[in-house]
Amino acid sequence: MNKDIRTEIFSRLRNANPNPETELEYDSPFELLVAVTLSAQATDVSVNKATRKLFPVANTPEAIYKLGEEGLKQYIKTIGLYNSKAKNVVAACKMLIELHNSEVPQSRDALEALPGVGRKTANVVLNTAFRQPVMAVDTHIFRVSNRTKIAPGKDVLEVEKRLVRLTPKEFLMDAHHWLILHGRYTCVARKPKCGSCIIEDLCEFKQKTAD
């Protein structure tokens, strides 16, 4: 796939959704960090249901640390892996208080040093909260990148690096959101909705569907 086609793909995605946003609900970088940490192997819908009850009660590192693991579990027990997530979030809050003045750091290395925060979570926070031009590759973006051939790769890190390198700069800040939403609602895993896809004629996927 050449630069002109990539540019047209992102132009169409931008025209359809000029101001894309995460579907996770948050009002601060810390709330976003907690929400993304909780969203691992869980849906945004389930996380939002939990945080709508949690954040009015505790939405700072100090408040969640004061809740403790058992207290936090009462708010997030409907989310998968809630035991380990509660442990990680409380431990991360302790580190934020002790090492970062209770502020969410704006570097990938510092974020990845927090319990429960991997490269994808760090990239989501850097891009969404701090508007850094990084790419958080999840299963949706990995699938879309390989299916369309916009940035194929054998693993998420290879796809991430190719997307950062190959995405035209004018689109890089919001590309993460466009691709994840496209994978979540159109280029779905089992049967992509090619017939209603706005980039079908540019996509190099060979087994296109009529729907």
N, C-alpha and C. Protein backbone atom coordinates (compact mmCIF):
# COMPACT_ATOMS: atom_id res chain seq x y z
N MET A 1 0.84 -1.20 0.00
CA MET A 1 0.00 0.00 0.00
C MET A 1 0.88 1.25 0.00
N ASN A 2 0.54 2.22 -0.85
CA ASN A 2 1.38 3.41 -0.94
C ASN A 2 0.83 4.56 -0.09
N LYS A 3 1.61 5.62 -0.02
CA LYS A 3 1.26 6.77 0.82
C LYS A 3 -0.06 7.41 0.42
N ASP A 4 -0.32 7.51 -0.87
CA ASP A 4 -1.55 8.15 -1.34
C ASP A 4 -2.79 7.40 -0.86
N ILE A 5 -2.72 6.08 -0.90
CA ILE A 5 -3.86 5.28 -0.46
C ILE A 5 -4.05 5.42 1.05
N ARG A 6 -2.95 5.37 1.81
CA ARG A 6 -3.06 5.56 3.26
C ARG A 6 -3.67 6.93 3.58
N THR A 7 -3.22 7.93 2.85
CA THR A 7 -3.75 9.28 3.07
C THR A 7 -5.25 9.33 2.80
N GLU A 8 -5.69 8.68 1.74
CA GLU A 8 -7.12 8.66 1.41
C GLU A 8 -7.91 7.89 2.47
N ILE A 9 -7.36 6.78 2.95
CA ILE A 9 -8.03 6.01 4.01
C ILE A 9 -8.28 6.88 5.23
N PHE A 10 -7.22 7.53 5.71
CA PHE A 10 -7.36 8.34 6.92
C PHE A 10 -8.21 9.59 6.66
N SER A 11 -8.17 10.11 5.45
CA SER A 11 -9.02 11.26 5.11
C SER A 11 -10.49 10.88 5.24
N ARG A 12 -10.84 9.70 4.74
CA ARG A 12 -12.23 9.26 4.82
C ARG A 12 -12.64 9.00 6.27
N LEU A 13 -11.75 8.37 7.04
CA LEU A 13 -12.06 8.11 8.45
C LEU A 13 -12.23 9.42 9.20
N ARG A 14 -11.40 10.41 8.89
CA ARG A 14 -11.50 11.71 9.55
C ARG A 14 -12.78 12.43 9.14
N ASN A 15 -13.12 12.37 7.87
CA ASN A 15 -14.35 13.03 7.41
C ASN A 15 -15.59 12.44 8.08
N ALA A 16 -15.55 11.15 8.31
CA ALA A 16 -16.68 10.48 8.96
C ALA A 16 -16.75 10.76 10.45
N ASN A 17 -15.60 11.06 11.05
CA ASN A 17 -15.53 11.27 12.51
C ASN A 17 -14.39 12.25 12.80
N PRO A 18 -14.65 13.55 12.64
CA PRO A 18 -13.58 14.55 12.73
C PRO A 18 -12.90 14.64 14.10
N ASN A 19 -13.65 14.34 15.15
CA ASN A 19 -13.09 14.47 16.51
C ASN A 19 -13.29 13.18 17.30
N PRO A 20 -12.54 12.13 16.94
CA PRO A 20 -12.75 10.83 17.60
C PRO A 20 -12.28 10.85 19.05
N GLU A 21 -12.98 10.10 19.88
CA GLU A 21 -12.64 10.03 21.30
C GLU A 21 -12.73 8.59 21.77
N THR A 22 -12.03 8.31 22.86
CA THR A 22 -12.15 7.00 23.49
C THR A 22 -13.57 6.82 24.01
N GLU A 23 -14.03 5.58 24.06
CA GLU A 23 -15.36 5.31 24.61
C GLU A 23 -15.32 5.10 26.12
N LEU A 24 -14.13 5.11 26.69
CA LEU A 24 -14.01 5.09 28.15
C LEU A 24 -14.35 6.47 28.70
N GLU A 25 -15.05 6.50 29.82
CA GLU A 25 -15.46 7.77 30.43
C GLU A 25 -14.42 8.20 31.47
N TYR A 26 -13.97 9.45 31.38
CA TYR A 26 -12.97 9.95 32.32
C TYR A 26 -12.98 11.47 32.32
N ASP A 27 -12.49 12.07 33.41
CA ASP A 27 -12.41 13.52 33.51
C ASP A 27 -11.02 14.02 33.88
N SER A 28 -10.06 13.11 33.99
CA SER A 28 -8.69 13.51 34.33
C SER A 28 -7.74 12.43 33.83
N PRO A 29 -6.46 12.75 33.67
CA PRO A 29 -5.49 11.72 33.28
C PRO A 29 -5.48 10.53 34.24
N PHE A 30 -5.68 10.79 35.53
CA PHE A 30 -5.68 9.68 36.49
C PHE A 30 -6.89 8.78 36.27
N GLU A 31 -8.07 9.38 36.07
CA GLU A 31 -9.25 8.56 35.81
C GLU A 31 -9.06 7.73 34.54
N LEU A 32 -8.44 8.33 33.53
CA LEU A 32 -8.20 7.57 32.29
C LEU A 32 -7.24 6.42 32.56
N LEU A 33 -6.18 6.67 33.30
CA LEU A 33 -5.21 5.61 33.63
C LEU A 33 -5.91 4.44 34.32
N VAL A 34 -6.74 4.73 35.29
CA VAL A 34 -7.47 3.68 36.00
C VAL A 34 -8.41 2.94 35.05
N ALA A 35 -9.15 3.69 34.24
CA ALA A 35 -10.12 3.07 33.33
C ALA A 35 -9.44 2.16 32.32
N VAL A 36 -8.32 2.61 31.75
CA VAL A 36 -7.63 1.79 30.76
C VAL A 36 -7.05 0.54 31.42
N THR A 37 -6.52 0.69 32.63
CA THR A 37 -5.99 -0.46 33.37
C THR A 37 -7.10 -1.49 33.61
N LEU A 38 -8.27 -1.02 33.96
CA LEU A 38 -9.40 -1.92 34.21
C LEU A 38 -9.94 -2.55 32.93
N SER A 39 -9.68 -1.92 31.79
CA SER A 39 -10.30 -2.38 30.54
C SER A 39 -9.59 -3.57 29.90
N ALA A 40 -8.45 -3.98 30.43
CA ALA A 40 -7.75 -5.13 29.87
C ALA A 40 -8.65 -6.37 29.92
N GLN A 41 -8.85 -6.98 28.76
CA GLN A 41 -9.71 -8.16 28.63
C GLN A 41 -11.11 -7.92 29.19
N ALA A 42 -11.59 -6.69 29.03
CA ALA A 42 -12.95 -6.33 29.44
C ALA A 42 -13.47 -5.29 28.45
N THR A 43 -14.77 -5.11 28.41
CA THR A 43 -15.35 -4.14 27.48
C THR A 43 -15.36 -2.74 28.11
N ASP A 44 -15.33 -1.73 27.26
CA ASP A 44 -15.43 -0.36 27.75
C ASP A 44 -16.76 -0.15 28.47
N VAL A 45 -17.81 -0.80 27.99
CA VAL A 45 -19.13 -0.66 28.61
C VAL A 45 -19.09 -1.13 30.06
N SER A 46 -18.47 -2.29 30.30
CA SER A 46 -18.41 -2.82 31.66
C SER A 46 -17.55 -1.93 32.57
N VAL A 47 -16.47 -1.38 32.01
CA VAL A 47 -15.61 -0.49 32.80
C VAL A 47 -16.36 0.79 33.15
N ASN A 48 -17.05 1.36 32.18
CA ASN A 48 -17.80 2.60 32.45
C ASN A 48 -18.86 2.41 33.53
N LYS A 49 -19.53 1.26 33.51
CA LYS A 49 -20.54 0.98 34.54
C LYS A 49 -19.91 0.99 35.93
N ALA A 50 -18.70 0.43 36.02
CA ALA A 50 -18.02 0.37 37.31
C ALA A 50 -17.49 1.74 37.74
N THR A 51 -16.86 2.44 36.81
CA THR A 51 -16.24 3.71 37.19
C THR A 51 -17.28 4.80 37.45
N ARG A 52 -18.49 4.67 36.90
CA ARG A 52 -19.55 5.64 37.22
C ARG A 52 -19.90 5.60 38.71
N LYS A 53 -19.67 4.46 39.35
CA LYS A 53 -19.90 4.34 40.79
C LYS A 53 -18.62 4.64 41.58
N LEU A 54 -17.47 4.25 41.00
CA LEU A 54 -16.19 4.42 41.70
C LEU A 54 -15.73 5.87 41.75
N PHE A 55 -15.70 6.54 40.60
CA PHE A 55 -15.06 7.86 40.53
C PHE A 55 -15.75 8.94 41.38
N PRO A 56 -17.08 8.93 41.55
CA PRO A 56 -17.67 9.92 42.47
C PRO A 56 -17.22 9.73 43.92
N VAL A 57 -16.78 8.53 44.26
CA VAL A 57 -16.33 8.23 45.61
C VAL A 57 -14.81 8.38 45.73
N ALA A 58 -14.09 7.92 44.71
CA ALA A 58 -12.62 7.93 44.76
C ALA A 58 -12.07 8.11 43.35
N ASN A 59 -11.49 9.28 43.08
CA ASN A 59 -10.93 9.53 41.75
C ASN A 59 -9.56 10.20 41.82
N THR A 60 -8.86 9.98 42.93
CA THR A 60 -7.48 10.44 43.07
C THR A 60 -6.64 9.28 43.59
N PRO A 61 -5.32 9.32 43.41
CA PRO A 61 -4.49 8.25 43.96
C PRO A 61 -4.68 8.07 45.46
N GLU A 62 -4.79 9.18 46.19
CA GLU A 62 -4.96 9.08 47.64
C GLU A 62 -6.27 8.40 48.01
N ALA A 63 -7.34 8.78 47.31
CA ALA A 63 -8.66 8.23 47.65
C ALA A 63 -8.74 6.74 47.35
N ILE A 64 -8.22 6.32 46.21
CA ILE A 64 -8.27 4.89 45.88
C ILE A 64 -7.32 4.10 46.77
N TYR A 65 -6.16 4.69 47.07
CA TYR A 65 -5.23 4.00 47.99
C TYR A 65 -5.87 3.82 49.36
N LYS A 66 -6.64 4.81 49.78
CA LYS A 66 -7.32 4.72 51.07
C LYS A 66 -8.40 3.64 51.05
N LEU A 67 -9.06 3.46 49.91
CA LEU A 67 -10.04 2.38 49.78
C LEU A 67 -9.39 1.03 50.03
N GLY A 68 -8.17 0.87 49.50
CA GLY A 68 -7.47 -0.41 49.60
C GLY A 68 -8.02 -1.43 48.62
N GLU A 69 -7.36 -2.56 48.55
CA GLU A 69 -7.77 -3.58 47.59
C GLU A 69 -9.20 -4.05 47.81
N GLU A 70 -9.53 -4.37 49.05
CA GLU A 70 -10.87 -4.91 49.33
C GLU A 70 -11.95 -3.88 49.06
N GLY A 71 -11.67 -2.63 49.39
CA GLY A 71 -12.65 -1.58 49.12
C GLY A 71 -12.83 -1.35 47.64
N LEU A 72 -11.73 -1.36 46.89
CA LEU A 72 -11.81 -1.15 45.44
C LEU A 72 -12.55 -2.29 44.76
N LYS A 73 -12.34 -3.50 45.24
CA LYS A 73 -12.99 -4.67 44.63
C LYS A 73 -14.51 -4.55 44.64
N GLN A 74 -15.06 -3.89 45.64
CA GLN A 74 -16.52 -3.76 45.72
C GLN A 74 -17.08 -2.96 44.54
N TYR A 75 -16.25 -2.10 43.97
CA TYR A 75 -16.70 -1.28 42.85
C TYR A 75 -16.41 -1.92 41.49
N ILE A 76 -15.40 -2.80 41.43
CA ILE A 76 -14.98 -3.32 40.13
C ILE A 76 -15.19 -4.83 39.99
N LYS A 77 -15.92 -5.44 40.92
CA LYS A 77 -16.05 -6.90 40.91
C LYS A 77 -16.85 -7.44 39.72
N THR A 78 -17.52 -6.57 38.97
CA THR A 78 -18.24 -6.99 37.77
C THR A 78 -17.31 -7.06 36.55
N ILE A 79 -16.07 -6.62 36.72
CA ILE A 79 -15.09 -6.60 35.63
C ILE A 79 -14.20 -7.83 35.73
N GLY A 80 -13.87 -8.44 34.61
CA GLY A 80 -12.98 -9.60 34.61
C GLY A 80 -11.63 -9.31 35.23
N LEU A 81 -11.07 -10.31 35.90
CA LEU A 81 -9.75 -10.21 36.54
C LEU A 81 -9.70 -9.11 37.60
N TYR A 82 -10.83 -8.89 38.27
CA TYR A 82 -10.90 -7.75 39.18
C TYR A 82 -9.97 -7.87 40.39
N ASN A 83 -9.64 -9.10 40.81
CA ASN A 83 -8.73 -9.25 41.95
C ASN A 83 -7.34 -8.71 41.64
N SER A 84 -6.79 -9.14 40.51
CA SER A 84 -5.45 -8.68 40.15
C SER A 84 -5.46 -7.20 39.76
N LYS A 85 -6.55 -6.75 39.16
CA LYS A 85 -6.64 -5.34 38.78
C LYS A 85 -6.72 -4.44 40.01
N ALA A 86 -7.44 -4.87 41.03
CA ALA A 86 -7.51 -4.09 42.27
C ALA A 86 -6.13 -3.99 42.91
N LYS A 87 -5.42 -5.09 42.92
CA LYS A 87 -4.07 -5.10 43.49
C LYS A 87 -3.16 -4.14 42.73
N ASN A 88 -3.20 -4.21 41.41
CA ASN A 88 -2.34 -3.36 40.59
C ASN A 88 -2.69 -1.88 40.72
N VAL A 89 -3.98 -1.56 40.69
CA VAL A 89 -4.39 -0.15 40.76
C VAL A 89 -3.99 0.47 42.09
N VAL A 90 -4.20 -0.25 43.17
CA VAL A 90 -3.83 0.28 44.50
C VAL A 90 -2.31 0.44 44.59
N ALA A 91 -1.55 -0.53 44.07
CA ALA A 91 -0.08 -0.42 44.09
C ALA A 91 0.39 0.74 43.21
N ALA A 92 -0.29 0.95 42.07
CA ALA A 92 0.06 2.06 41.20
C ALA A 92 -0.22 3.40 41.89
N CYS A 93 -1.34 3.47 42.61
CA CYS A 93 -1.66 4.69 43.35
C CYS A 93 -0.57 5.01 44.37
N LYS A 94 -0.07 3.99 45.04
CA LYS A 94 1.01 4.18 46.02
C LYS A 94 2.24 4.77 45.35
N MET A 95 2.59 4.25 44.19
CA MET A 95 3.76 4.76 43.46
C MET A 95 3.53 6.19 42.97
N LEU A 96 2.32 6.48 42.51
CA LEU A 96 2.03 7.84 42.05
C LEU A 96 2.17 8.84 43.19
N ILE A 97 1.70 8.45 44.36
CA ILE A 97 1.79 9.33 45.53
C ILE A 97 3.25 9.54 45.94
N GLU A 98 3.99 8.44 46.00
CA GLU A 98 5.34 8.50 46.53
C GLU A 98 6.38 9.02 45.53
N LEU A 99 6.18 8.73 44.24
CA LEU A 99 7.21 9.04 43.25
C LEU A 99 6.83 10.18 42.30
N HIS A 100 5.53 10.47 42.17
CA HIS A 100 5.13 11.41 41.12
C HIS A 100 4.21 12.53 41.62
N ASN A 101 4.24 12.77 42.93
CA ASN A 101 3.43 13.88 43.46
C ASN A 101 1.95 13.70 43.16
N SER A 102 1.53 12.47 43.06
CA SER A 102 0.14 12.10 42.76
C SER A 102 -0.31 12.49 41.36
N GLU A 103 0.65 12.80 40.49
CA GLU A 103 0.34 13.14 39.11
C GLU A 103 0.68 11.97 38.19
N VAL A 104 -0.08 11.82 37.12
CA VAL A 104 0.22 10.79 36.13
C VAL A 104 1.41 11.25 35.30
N PRO A 105 2.48 10.44 35.25
CA PRO A 105 3.67 10.86 34.47
C PRO A 105 3.38 10.90 32.98
N GLN A 106 4.14 11.71 32.27
CA GLN A 106 3.93 11.89 30.84
C GLN A 106 5.03 11.25 30.00
N SER A 107 5.64 10.19 30.52
CA SER A 107 6.62 9.43 29.74
C SER A 107 6.24 7.96 29.76
N ARG A 108 6.52 7.27 28.66
CA ARG A 108 6.17 5.86 28.57
C ARG A 108 6.91 5.03 29.61
N ASP A 109 8.19 5.28 29.81
CA ASP A 109 8.97 4.51 30.77
C ASP A 109 8.40 4.63 32.17
N ALA A 110 8.04 5.84 32.57
CA ALA A 110 7.48 6.04 33.92
C ALA A 110 6.12 5.38 34.05
N LEU A 111 5.33 5.45 33.01
CA LEU A 111 4.02 4.81 33.05
C LEU A 111 4.15 3.29 33.11
N GLU A 112 5.04 2.74 32.29
CA GLU A 112 5.20 1.28 32.27
C GLU A 112 5.80 0.73 33.56
N ALA A 113 6.38 1.60 34.36
CA ALA A 113 6.92 1.16 35.65
C ALA A 113 5.81 0.97 36.68
N LEU A 114 4.61 1.46 36.38
CA LEU A 114 3.49 1.31 37.31
C LEU A 114 2.89 -0.09 37.19
N PRO A 115 2.50 -0.70 38.30
CA PRO A 115 1.89 -2.04 38.26
C PRO A 115 0.64 -2.06 37.39
N GLY A 116 0.55 -3.07 36.53
CA GLY A 116 -0.62 -3.23 35.68
C GLY A 116 -0.63 -2.39 34.42
N VAL A 117 0.45 -1.62 34.20
CA VAL A 117 0.51 -0.74 33.04
C VAL A 117 1.53 -1.27 32.04
N GLY A 118 1.06 -1.76 30.91
CA GLY A 118 1.95 -2.21 29.85
C GLY A 118 2.08 -1.16 28.78
N ARG A 119 2.71 -1.50 27.69
CA ARG A 119 2.98 -0.54 26.63
C ARG A 119 1.69 0.01 26.01
N LYS A 120 0.70 -0.86 25.80
CA LYS A 120 -0.55 -0.41 25.19
C LYS A 120 -1.26 0.59 26.09
N THR A 121 -1.38 0.27 27.37
CA THR A 121 -2.03 1.18 28.31
C THR A 121 -1.29 2.50 28.39
N ALA A 122 0.04 2.43 28.45
CA ALA A 122 0.85 3.66 28.50
C ALA A 122 0.59 4.51 27.25
N ASN A 123 0.54 3.88 26.09
CA ASN A 123 0.33 4.63 24.85
C ASN A 123 -1.06 5.27 24.80
N VAL A 124 -2.06 4.58 25.30
CA VAL A 124 -3.41 5.15 25.34
C VAL A 124 -3.40 6.43 26.18
N VAL A 125 -2.79 6.37 27.35
CA VAL A 125 -2.75 7.53 28.24
C VAL A 125 -1.95 8.67 27.60
N LEU A 126 -0.81 8.34 27.02
CA LEU A 126 0.02 9.38 26.39
C LEU A 126 -0.72 10.05 25.24
N ASN A 127 -1.42 9.26 24.45
CA ASN A 127 -2.12 9.81 23.28
C ASN A 127 -3.39 10.56 23.68
N THR A 128 -4.21 9.93 24.51
CA THR A 128 -5.53 10.47 24.81
C THR A 128 -5.49 11.59 25.85
N ALA A 129 -4.72 11.41 26.90
CA ALA A 129 -4.68 12.42 27.96
C ALA A 129 -3.68 13.54 27.66
N PHE A 130 -2.56 13.17 27.04
CA PHE A 130 -1.48 14.14 26.87
C PHE A 130 -1.20 14.51 25.41
N ARG A 131 -2.03 13.97 24.50
CA ARG A 131 -1.96 14.33 23.07
C ARG A 131 -0.57 14.13 22.48
N GLN A 132 0.04 13.01 22.81
CA GLN A 132 1.31 12.65 22.20
C GLN A 132 1.03 11.74 20.99
N PRO A 133 1.76 11.91 19.89
CA PRO A 133 1.49 11.14 18.67
C PRO A 133 2.06 9.72 18.73
N VAL A 134 1.47 8.92 19.60
CA VAL A 134 1.88 7.52 19.74
C VAL A 134 0.70 6.63 19.35
N MET A 135 0.96 5.35 19.20
CA MET A 135 -0.05 4.42 18.69
C MET A 135 -0.21 3.25 19.67
N ALA A 136 -1.39 3.14 20.23
CA ALA A 136 -1.69 2.01 21.12
C ALA A 136 -2.37 0.92 20.31
N VAL A 137 -1.70 -0.19 20.11
CA VAL A 137 -2.23 -1.25 19.25
C VAL A 137 -2.89 -2.33 20.10
N ASP A 138 -4.20 -2.47 19.95
CA ASP A 138 -4.94 -3.55 20.59
C ASP A 138 -5.34 -4.57 19.52
N THR A 139 -6.21 -5.50 19.88
CA THR A 139 -6.59 -6.55 18.92
C THR A 139 -7.32 -5.96 17.71
N HIS A 140 -8.12 -4.91 17.93
CA HIS A 140 -8.86 -4.29 16.82
C HIS A 140 -7.90 -3.64 15.83
N ILE A 141 -6.97 -2.85 16.34
CA ILE A 141 -6.03 -2.15 15.46
C ILE A 141 -5.10 -3.14 14.78
N PHE A 142 -4.70 -4.17 15.48
CA PHE A 142 -3.85 -5.21 14.89
C PHE A 142 -4.57 -5.87 13.72
N ARG A 143 -5.85 -6.18 13.91
CA ARG A 143 -6.65 -6.82 12.86
C ARG A 143 -6.83 -5.89 11.66
N VAL A 144 -7.22 -4.65 11.91
CA VAL A 144 -7.46 -3.70 10.81
C VAL A 144 -6.18 -3.43 10.04
N SER A 145 -5.08 -3.28 10.73
CA SER A 145 -3.80 -2.99 10.08
C SER A 145 -3.37 -4.13 9.16
N ASN A 146 -3.59 -5.37 9.60
CA ASN A 146 -3.20 -6.51 8.79
C ASN A 146 -4.20 -6.80 7.68
N ARG A 147 -5.48 -6.67 7.95
CA ARG A 147 -6.50 -6.95 6.93
C ARG A 147 -6.40 -5.95 5.77
N THR A 148 -6.35 -4.69 6.11
CA THR A 148 -6.34 -3.66 5.07
C THR A 148 -4.98 -3.57 4.40
N LYS A 149 -3.94 -4.02 5.09
CA LYS A 149 -2.53 -3.90 4.69
C LYS A 149 -2.02 -2.46 4.84
N ILE A 150 -2.69 -1.69 5.69
CA ILE A 150 -2.23 -0.33 5.93
C ILE A 150 -0.91 -0.32 6.69
N ALA A 151 -0.72 -1.34 7.55
CA ALA A 151 0.54 -1.47 8.27
C ALA A 151 0.63 -2.89 8.82
N PRO A 152 0.84 -3.88 7.95
CA PRO A 152 0.86 -5.28 8.40
C PRO A 152 2.08 -5.59 9.26
N GLY A 153 1.90 -6.52 10.18
CA GLY A 153 3.01 -6.94 11.03
C GLY A 153 2.66 -8.22 11.76
N LYS A 154 3.67 -8.95 12.19
CA LYS A 154 3.44 -10.25 12.81
C LYS A 154 3.08 -10.15 14.28
N ASP A 155 3.35 -9.01 14.92
CA ASP A 155 2.97 -8.83 16.32
C ASP A 155 2.60 -7.37 16.55
N VAL A 156 2.08 -7.08 17.74
CA VAL A 156 1.56 -5.73 17.99
C VAL A 156 2.65 -4.67 17.96
N LEU A 157 3.84 -5.01 18.41
CA LEU A 157 4.92 -4.02 18.42
C LEU A 157 5.33 -3.65 16.99
N GLU A 158 5.40 -4.66 16.11
CA GLU A 158 5.75 -4.38 14.72
C GLU A 158 4.68 -3.52 14.05
N VAL A 159 3.41 -3.83 14.32
CA VAL A 159 2.33 -3.02 13.77
C VAL A 159 2.39 -1.60 14.32
N GLU A 160 2.64 -1.47 15.61
CA GLU A 160 2.75 -0.14 16.22
C GLU A 160 3.83 0.70 15.53
N LYS A 161 5.00 0.12 15.38
CA LYS A 161 6.11 0.87 14.80
C LYS A 161 5.84 1.23 13.34
N ARG A 162 5.21 0.31 12.61
CA ARG A 162 4.89 0.61 11.21
C ARG A 162 3.83 1.69 11.10
N LEU A 163 2.82 1.64 11.97
CA LEU A 163 1.79 2.66 11.93
C LEU A 163 2.36 4.04 12.23
N VAL A 164 3.23 4.12 13.23
CA VAL A 164 3.85 5.41 13.58
C VAL A 164 4.68 5.93 12.41
N ARG A 165 5.37 5.01 11.74
CA ARG A 165 6.23 5.41 10.62
C ARG A 165 5.44 5.74 9.35
N LEU A 166 4.37 5.00 9.09
CA LEU A 166 3.68 5.09 7.80
C LEU A 166 2.44 5.98 7.80
N THR A 167 1.87 6.25 8.96
CA THR A 167 0.69 7.11 9.01
C THR A 167 1.10 8.55 8.70
N PRO A 168 0.47 9.19 7.71
CA PRO A 168 0.78 10.59 7.43
C PRO A 168 0.65 11.44 8.69
N LYS A 169 1.58 12.34 8.91
CA LYS A 169 1.66 13.08 10.17
C LYS A 169 0.39 13.80 10.55
N GLU A 170 -0.34 14.31 9.54
CA GLU A 170 -1.55 15.06 9.86
C GLU A 170 -2.63 14.21 10.53
N PHE A 171 -2.50 12.89 10.41
CA PHE A 171 -3.50 11.99 10.97
C PHE A 171 -3.02 11.25 12.22
N LEU A 172 -1.74 11.35 12.53
CA LEU A 172 -1.16 10.46 13.54
C LEU A 172 -1.76 10.65 14.92
N MET A 173 -2.11 11.87 15.29
CA MET A 173 -2.63 12.12 16.63
C MET A 173 -3.92 11.36 16.91
N ASP A 174 -4.78 11.25 15.91
CA ASP A 174 -6.09 10.62 16.11
C ASP A 174 -6.22 9.24 15.46
N ALA A 175 -5.18 8.78 14.81
CA ALA A 175 -5.26 7.51 14.07
C ALA A 175 -5.65 6.34 14.97
N HIS A 176 -5.13 6.33 16.18
CA HIS A 176 -5.46 5.27 17.14
C HIS A 176 -6.97 5.13 17.30
N HIS A 177 -7.66 6.25 17.50
CA HIS A 177 -9.10 6.20 17.73
C HIS A 177 -9.85 5.77 16.47
N TRP A 178 -9.46 6.30 15.32
CA TRP A 178 -10.15 5.92 14.08
C TRP A 178 -10.03 4.43 13.83
N LEU A 179 -8.84 3.89 14.00
CA LEU A 179 -8.62 2.47 13.70
C LEU A 179 -9.33 1.57 14.70
N ILE A 180 -9.31 1.93 15.97
CA ILE A 180 -9.96 1.07 16.96
C ILE A 180 -11.48 1.07 16.77
N LEU A 181 -12.06 2.23 16.46
CA LEU A 181 -13.49 2.29 16.23
C LEU A 181 -13.87 1.56 14.95
N HIS A 182 -13.02 1.65 13.94
CA HIS A 182 -13.29 0.93 12.68
C HIS A 182 -13.26 -0.58 12.92
N GLY A 183 -12.32 -1.03 13.73
CA GLY A 183 -12.24 -2.45 14.05
C GLY A 183 -13.35 -2.93 14.96
N ARG A 184 -13.82 -2.05 15.81
CA ARG A 184 -14.86 -2.42 16.77
C ARG A 184 -16.23 -2.52 16.11
N TYR A 185 -16.50 -1.67 15.11
CA TYR A 185 -17.85 -1.59 14.58
C TYR A 185 -17.99 -1.99 13.11
N THR A 186 -16.92 -1.93 12.33
CA THR A 186 -17.03 -2.26 10.91
C THR A 186 -16.16 -3.46 10.54
N CYS A 187 -14.87 -3.35 10.76
CA CYS A 187 -13.94 -4.43 10.41
C CYS A 187 -13.85 -5.42 11.57
N VAL A 188 -15.01 -6.00 11.90
CA VAL A 188 -15.13 -6.86 13.07
C VAL A 188 -14.47 -8.22 12.82
N ALA A 189 -14.22 -8.94 13.90
CA ALA A 189 -13.36 -10.13 13.83
C ALA A 189 -13.94 -11.24 12.95
N ARG A 190 -15.16 -11.67 13.22
CA ARG A 190 -15.67 -12.87 12.56
C ARG A 190 -16.11 -12.62 11.12
N LYS A 191 -16.85 -11.56 10.92
CA LYS A 191 -17.34 -11.26 9.57
C LYS A 191 -17.36 -9.75 9.36
N PRO A 192 -16.30 -9.22 8.75
CA PRO A 192 -16.24 -7.77 8.56
C PRO A 192 -17.39 -7.27 7.69
N LYS A 193 -17.85 -6.05 7.98
CA LYS A 193 -18.99 -5.47 7.25
C LYS A 193 -18.49 -4.69 6.03
N CYS A 194 -17.90 -5.42 5.11
CA CYS A 194 -17.25 -4.79 3.95
C CYS A 194 -18.22 -3.97 3.10
N GLY A 195 -19.45 -4.46 2.97
CA GLY A 195 -20.41 -3.77 2.12
C GLY A 195 -20.78 -2.39 2.60
N SER A 196 -20.61 -2.14 3.89
CA SER A 196 -20.94 -0.82 4.44
C SER A 196 -19.68 -0.08 4.90
N CYS A 197 -18.52 -0.51 4.43
CA CYS A 197 -17.25 0.07 4.85
C CYS A 197 -16.86 1.23 3.93
N ILE A 198 -16.49 2.37 4.52
CA ILE A 198 -16.18 3.56 3.72
C ILE A 198 -14.80 3.48 3.05
N ILE A 199 -14.01 2.46 3.39
CA ILE A 199 -12.70 2.32 2.75
C ILE A 199 -12.57 0.99 2.01
N GLU A 200 -13.72 0.37 1.70
CA GLU A 200 -13.69 -0.96 1.08
C GLU A 200 -12.88 -0.97 -0.22
N ASP A 201 -13.01 0.05 -1.03
CA ASP A 201 -12.34 0.06 -2.34
C ASP A 201 -10.82 0.28 -2.20
N LEU A 202 -10.37 0.71 -1.03
CA LEU A 202 -8.94 0.95 -0.79
C LEU A 202 -8.29 -0.20 -0.02
N CYS A 203 -9.10 -1.00 0.61
CA CYS A 203 -8.63 -2.09 1.46
C CYS A 203 -8.16 -3.26 0.59
N GLU A 204 -7.09 -3.93 1.04
CA GLU A 204 -6.52 -5.04 0.27
C GLU A 204 -6.93 -6.42 0.79
N PHE A 205 -7.93 -6.46 1.68
CA PHE A 205 -8.45 -7.73 2.20
C PHE A 205 -9.09 -8.50 1.06
N LYS A 206 -8.70 -9.76 0.89
CA LYS A 206 -9.14 -10.52 -0.27
C LYS A 206 -10.50 -11.20 -0.08
N GLN A 207 -10.86 -11.57 1.16
CA GLN A 207 -12.11 -12.28 1.37
C GLN A 207 -13.21 -11.31 1.80
N LYS A 208 -13.51 -10.34 0.98
CA LYS A 208 -14.49 -9.32 1.34
C LYS A 208 -15.90 -9.91 1.36
N THR A 209 -16.72 -9.35 2.26
CA THR A 209 -18.11 -9.81 2.40
C THR A 209 -19.04 -8.83 1.70
N ALA A 210 -20.26 -9.28 1.46
CA ALA A 210 -21.23 -8.43 0.76
C ALA A 210 -21.96 -7.51 1.75
N ASP A 211 -21.95 -7.87 3.02
CA ASP A 211 -22.71 -7.10 4.02
C ASP A 211 -22.02 -5.77 4.32
